[in-house]
């Protein structure tokens, strides 16, 4: 039991890997969205206009 407590104390200040992966993924998505969002919106509207004949 004491080994478990010592192991837990060693990792107390560490940020879990899944937290870092989640934050980095969210940052990448936000960056791509900010850069490509307007262009993708224009592409979508253009495609919609060509389908509706407008």
PDB file of N, CA and C in Angstrom:
ATOM      1  N   UNK A   1       0.826  -1.192   0.000  1.00  0.00           N
ATOM      2  CA  UNK A   1       0.000   0.000   0.000  1.00  0.00           C
ATOM      3  C   UNK A   1       0.873   1.261   0.000  1.00  0.00           C
ATOM      4  N   UNK A   2       1.947   1.203   0.730  1.00  0.00           N
ATOM      5  CA  UNK A   2       2.823   2.362   0.820  1.00  0.00           C
ATOM      6  C   UNK A   2       3.475   2.675  -0.527  1.00  0.00           C
ATOM      7  N   UNK A   3       3.764   1.632  -1.331  1.00  0.00           N
ATOM      8  CA  UNK A   3       4.335   1.852  -2.658  1.00  0.00           C
ATOM      9  C   UNK A   3       3.362   2.615  -3.563  1.00  0.00           C
ATOM     10  N   UNK A   4       2.060   2.312  -3.425  1.00  0.00           N
ATOM     11  CA  UNK A   4       1.056   3.014  -4.229  1.00  0.00           C
ATOM     12  C   UNK A   4       1.017   4.494  -3.866  1.00  0.00           C
ATOM     13  N   UNK A   5       1.094   4.800  -2.598  1.00  0.00           N
ATOM     14  CA  UNK A   5       1.058   6.188  -2.143  1.00  0.00           C
ATOM     15  C   UNK A   5       2.290   6.922  -2.631  1.00  0.00           C
ATOM     16  N   UNK A   6       3.439   6.300  -2.563  1.00  0.00           N
ATOM     17  CA  UNK A   6       4.670   6.930  -3.042  1.00  0.00           C
ATOM     18  C   UNK A   6       4.609   7.169  -4.550  1.00  0.00           C
ATOM     19  N   UNK A   7       4.098   6.200  -5.303  1.00  0.00           N
ATOM     20  CA  UNK A   7       3.965   6.357  -6.750  1.00  0.00           C
ATOM     21  C   UNK A   7       3.033   7.495  -7.103  1.00  0.00           C
ATOM     22  N   UNK A   8       1.957   7.647  -6.353  1.00  0.00           N
ATOM     23  CA  UNK A   8       1.009   8.730  -6.589  1.00  0.00           C
ATOM     24  C   UNK A   8       1.640  10.085  -6.287  1.00  0.00           C
ATOM     25  N   UNK A   9       2.420  10.148  -5.258  1.00  0.00           N
ATOM     26  CA  UNK A   9       3.069  11.408  -4.892  1.00  0.00           C
ATOM     27  C   UNK A   9       4.083  11.834  -5.955  1.00  0.00           C
ATOM     28  N   UNK A  10       4.737  10.872  -6.585  1.00  0.00           N
ATOM     29  CA  UNK A  10       5.723  11.201  -7.612  1.00  0.00           C
ATOM     30  C   UNK A  10       5.075  11.880  -8.824  1.00  0.00           C
ATOM     31  N   UNK A  11       3.837  11.546  -9.148  1.00  0.00           N
ATOM     32  CA  UNK A  11       3.180  12.051 -10.346  1.00  0.00           C
ATOM     33  C   UNK A  11       2.223  13.197 -10.048  1.00  0.00           C
ATOM     34  N   UNK A  12       2.236  13.717  -8.874  1.00  0.00           N
ATOM     35  CA  UNK A  12       1.254  14.708  -8.471  1.00  0.00           C
ATOM     36  C   UNK A  12       1.293  15.980  -9.309  1.00  0.00           C
ATOM     37  N   UNK A  13       2.452  16.450  -9.669  1.00  0.00           N
ATOM     38  CA  UNK A  13       2.547  17.706 -10.397  1.00  0.00           C
ATOM     39  C   UNK A  13       2.490  17.557 -11.904  1.00  0.00           C
ATOM     40  N   UNK A  14       2.446  16.338 -12.413  1.00  0.00           N
ATOM     41  CA  UNK A  14       2.449  16.111 -13.856  1.00  0.00           C
ATOM     42  C   UNK A  14       1.056  16.307 -14.444  1.00  0.00           C
ATOM     43  N   UNK A  15       1.014  16.888 -15.630  1.00  0.00           N
ATOM     44  CA  UNK A  15      -0.237  16.989 -16.368  1.00  0.00           C
ATOM     45  C   UNK A  15      -0.378  15.705 -17.177  1.00  0.00           C
ATOM     46  N   UNK A  16      -1.530  15.046 -17.094  1.00  0.00           N
ATOM     47  CA  UNK A  16      -1.711  13.806 -17.857  1.00  0.00           C
ATOM     48  C   UNK A  16      -1.568  14.044 -19.360  1.00  0.00           C
ATOM     49  N   UNK A  17      -1.069  13.049 -20.046  1.00  0.00           N
ATOM     50  CA  UNK A  17      -0.844  13.164 -21.484  1.00  0.00           C
ATOM     51  C   UNK A  17      -2.103  13.456 -22.262  1.00  0.00           C
ATOM     52  N   UNK A  18      -3.237  12.879 -21.849  1.00  0.00           N
ATOM     53  CA  UNK A  18      -4.473  13.090 -22.605  1.00  0.00           C
ATOM     54  C   UNK A  18      -4.926  14.543 -22.527  1.00  0.00           C
ATOM     55  N   UNK A  19      -4.595  15.233 -21.444  1.00  0.00           N
ATOM     56  CA  UNK A  19      -4.950  16.646 -21.328  1.00  0.00           C
ATOM     57  C   UNK A  19      -4.148  17.460 -22.345  1.00  0.00           C
ATOM     58  N   UNK A  20      -2.855  17.185 -22.447  1.00  0.00           N
ATOM     59  CA  UNK A  20      -2.017  17.897 -23.407  1.00  0.00           C
ATOM     60  C   UNK A  20      -2.457  17.625 -24.836  1.00  0.00           C
ATOM     61  N   UNK A  21      -2.774  16.369 -25.142  1.00  0.00           N
ATOM     62  CA  UNK A  21      -3.222  16.012 -26.492  1.00  0.00           C
ATOM     63  C   UNK A  21      -4.530  16.728 -26.819  1.00  0.00           C
ATOM     64  N   UNK A  22      -5.445  16.778 -25.858  1.00  0.00           N
ATOM     65  CA  UNK A  22      -6.725  17.450 -26.080  1.00  0.00           C
ATOM     66  C   UNK A  22      -6.531  18.936 -26.326  1.00  0.00           C
ATOM     67  N   UNK A  23      -5.686  19.574 -25.531  1.00  0.00           N
ATOM     68  CA  UNK A  23      -5.444  21.005 -25.699  1.00  0.00           C
ATOM     69  C   UNK A  23      -4.751  21.315 -27.024  1.00  0.00           C
ATOM     70  N   UNK A  24      -3.769  20.489 -27.399  1.00  0.00           N
ATOM     71  CA  UNK A  24      -3.073  20.719 -28.663  1.00  0.00           C
ATOM     72  C   UNK A  24      -4.010  20.503 -29.851  1.00  0.00           C
ATOM     73  N   UNK A  25      -4.867  19.499 -29.785  1.00  0.00           N
ATOM     74  CA  UNK A  25      -5.823  19.245 -30.862  1.00  0.00           C
ATOM     75  C   UNK A  25      -6.804  20.406 -30.990  1.00  0.00           C
ATOM     76  N   UNK A  26      -7.288  20.896 -29.864  1.00  0.00           N
ATOM     77  CA  UNK A  26      -8.211  22.036 -29.895  1.00  0.00           C
ATOM     78  C   UNK A  26      -7.522  23.267 -30.488  1.00  0.00           C
ATOM     79  N   UNK A  27      -6.268  23.470 -30.150  1.00  0.00           N
ATOM     80  CA  UNK A  27      -5.520  24.591 -30.711  1.00  0.00           C
ATOM     81  C   UNK A  27      -5.338  24.471 -32.206  1.00  0.00           C
ATOM     82  N   UNK A  28      -5.023  23.272 -32.673  1.00  0.00           N
ATOM     83  CA  UNK A  28      -4.860  23.051 -34.115  1.00  0.00           C
ATOM     84  C   UNK A  28      -6.168  23.262 -34.861  1.00  0.00           C
ATOM     85  N   UNK A  29      -7.264  22.757 -34.316  1.00  0.00           N
ATOM     86  CA  UNK A  29      -8.568  22.927 -34.959  1.00  0.00           C
ATOM     87  C   UNK A  29      -8.933  24.406 -35.029  1.00  0.00           C
ATOM     88  N   UNK A  30      -8.707  25.133 -33.953  1.00  0.00           N
ATOM     89  CA  UNK A  30      -9.023  26.563 -33.941  1.00  0.00           C
ATOM     90  C   UNK A  30      -8.175  27.323 -34.957  1.00  0.00           C
ATOM     91  N   UNK A  31      -6.908  26.955 -35.080  1.00  0.00           N
ATOM     92  CA  UNK A  31      -6.026  27.620 -36.032  1.00  0.00           C
ATOM     93  C   UNK A  31      -6.453  27.349 -37.473  1.00  0.00           C
ATOM     94  N   UNK A  32      -6.713  26.091 -37.772  1.00  0.00           N
ATOM     95  CA  UNK A  32      -7.145  25.736 -39.132  1.00  0.00           C
ATOM     96  C   UNK A  32      -8.481  26.398 -39.448  1.00  0.00           C
ATOM     97  N   UNK A  33      -9.387  26.415 -38.485  1.00  0.00           N
ATOM     98  CA  UNK A  33     -10.692  27.025 -38.690  1.00  0.00           C
ATOM     99  C   UNK A  33     -10.547  28.515 -38.968  1.00  0.00           C
ATOM    100  N   UNK A  34      -9.668  29.180 -38.217  1.00  0.00           N
ATOM    101  CA  UNK A  34      -9.480  30.619 -38.404  1.00  0.00           C
ATOM    102  C   UNK A  34      -8.870  30.924 -39.768  1.00  0.00           C
ATOM    103  N   UNK A  35      -7.955  30.082 -40.224  1.00  0.00           N
ATOM    104  CA  UNK A  35      -7.289  30.330 -41.501  1.00  0.00           C
ATOM    105  C   UNK A  35      -8.144  29.920 -42.692  1.00  0.00           C
ATOM    106  N   UNK A  36      -8.819  28.774 -42.600  1.00  0.00           N
ATOM    107  CA  UNK A  36      -9.525  28.231 -43.754  1.00  0.00           C
ATOM    108  C   UNK A  36     -11.029  28.476 -43.715  1.00  0.00           C
ATOM    109  N   UNK A  37     -11.555  28.973 -42.606  1.00  0.00           N
ATOM    110  CA  UNK A  37     -13.001  29.158 -42.465  1.00  0.00           C
ATOM    111  C   UNK A  37     -13.619  30.027 -43.541  1.00  0.00           C
ATOM    112  N   UNK A  38     -13.098  31.226 -43.770  1.00  0.00           N
ATOM    113  CA  UNK A  38     -13.699  32.082 -44.803  1.00  0.00           C
ATOM    114  C   UNK A  38     -13.633  31.461 -46.204  1.00  0.00           C
ATOM    115  N   UNK A  39     -12.529  30.839 -46.537  1.00  0.00           N
ATOM    116  CA  UNK A  39     -12.391  30.216 -47.862  1.00  0.00           C
ATOM    117  C   UNK A  39     -13.369  29.052 -48.009  1.00  0.00           C
ATOM    118  N   UNK A  40     -13.524  28.250 -46.954  1.00  0.00           N
ATOM    119  CA  UNK A  40     -14.466  27.127 -47.027  1.00  0.00           C
ATOM    120  C   UNK A  40     -15.907  27.626 -47.089  1.00  0.00           C
ATOM    121  N   UNK A  41     -16.183  28.726 -46.403  1.00  0.00           N
ATOM    122  CA  UNK A  41     -17.522  29.312 -46.477  1.00  0.00           C
ATOM    123  C   UNK A  41     -17.843  29.799 -47.878  1.00  0.00           C
ATOM    124  N   UNK A  42     -16.881  30.473 -48.509  1.00  0.00           N
ATOM    125  CA  UNK A  42     -17.075  30.927 -49.891  1.00  0.00           C
ATOM    126  C   UNK A  42     -17.249  29.754 -50.840  1.00  0.00           C
ATOM    127  N   UNK A  43     -16.472  28.697 -50.641  1.00  0.00           N
ATOM    128  CA  UNK A  43     -16.574  27.499 -51.471  1.00  0.00           C
ATOM    129  C   UNK A  43     -17.954  26.863 -51.329  1.00  0.00           C
ATOM    130  N   UNK A  44     -18.454  26.796 -50.121  1.00  0.00           N
ATOM    131  CA  UNK A  44     -19.772  26.228 -49.869  1.00  0.00           C
ATOM    132  C   UNK A  44     -20.868  27.055 -50.540  1.00  0.00           C
ATOM    133  N   UNK A  45     -20.790  28.381 -50.380  1.00  0.00           N
ATOM    134  CA  UNK A  45     -21.796  29.245 -51.004  1.00  0.00           C
ATOM    135  C   UNK A  45     -21.744  29.162 -52.515  1.00  0.00           C
ATOM    136  N   UNK A  46     -20.554  29.073 -53.076  1.00  0.00           N
ATOM    137  CA  UNK A  46     -20.402  28.932 -54.522  1.00  0.00           C
ATOM    138  C   UNK A  46     -21.032  27.621 -55.010  1.00  0.00           C
ATOM    139  N   UNK A  47     -20.764  26.553 -54.285  1.00  0.00           N
ATOM    140  CA  UNK A  47     -21.338  25.247 -54.660  1.00  0.00           C
ATOM    141  C   UNK A  47     -22.860  25.280 -54.523  1.00  0.00           C
ATOM    142  N   UNK A  48     -23.356  25.928 -53.503  1.00  0.00           N
ATOM    143  CA  UNK A  48     -24.803  26.022 -53.303  1.00  0.00           C
ATOM    144  C   UNK A  48     -25.444  26.840 -54.416  1.00  0.00           C
ATOM    145  N   UNK A  49     -24.789  27.924 -54.826  1.00  0.00           N
ATOM    146  CA  UNK A  49     -25.315  28.749 -55.920  1.00  0.00           C
ATOM    147  C   UNK A  49     -25.336  27.960 -57.231  1.00  0.00           C
ATOM    148  N   UNK A  50     -24.323  27.153 -57.472  1.00  0.00           N
ATOM    149  CA  UNK A  50     -24.287  26.401 -58.723  1.00  0.00           C
ATOM    150  C   UNK A  50     -25.358  25.302 -58.739  1.00  0.00           C
ATOM    151  N   UNK A  51     -25.697  24.774 -57.580  1.00  0.00           N
ATOM    152  CA  UNK A  51     -26.729  23.729 -57.525  1.00  0.00           C
ATOM    153  C   UNK A  51     -28.119  24.348 -57.670  1.00  0.00           C
ATOM    154  N   UNK A  52     -28.332  25.478 -57.025  1.00  0.00           N
ATOM    155  CA  UNK A  52     -29.663  26.100 -57.062  1.00  0.00           C
ATOM    156  C   UNK A  52     -29.868  26.957 -58.314  1.00  0.00           C
ATOM    157  N   UNK A  53     -28.823  27.186 -59.068  1.00  0.00           N
ATOM    158  CA  UNK A  53     -28.940  27.970 -60.289  1.00  0.00           C
ATOM    159  C   UNK A  53     -28.992  29.464 -60.050  1.00  0.00           C
ATOM    160  N   UNK A  54     -28.546  29.874 -58.859  1.00  0.00           N
ATOM    161  CA  UNK A  54     -28.623  31.291 -58.523  1.00  0.00           C
ATOM    162  C   UNK A  54     -27.434  32.023 -58.829  1.00  0.00           C
TER     163      UNK A  54
END
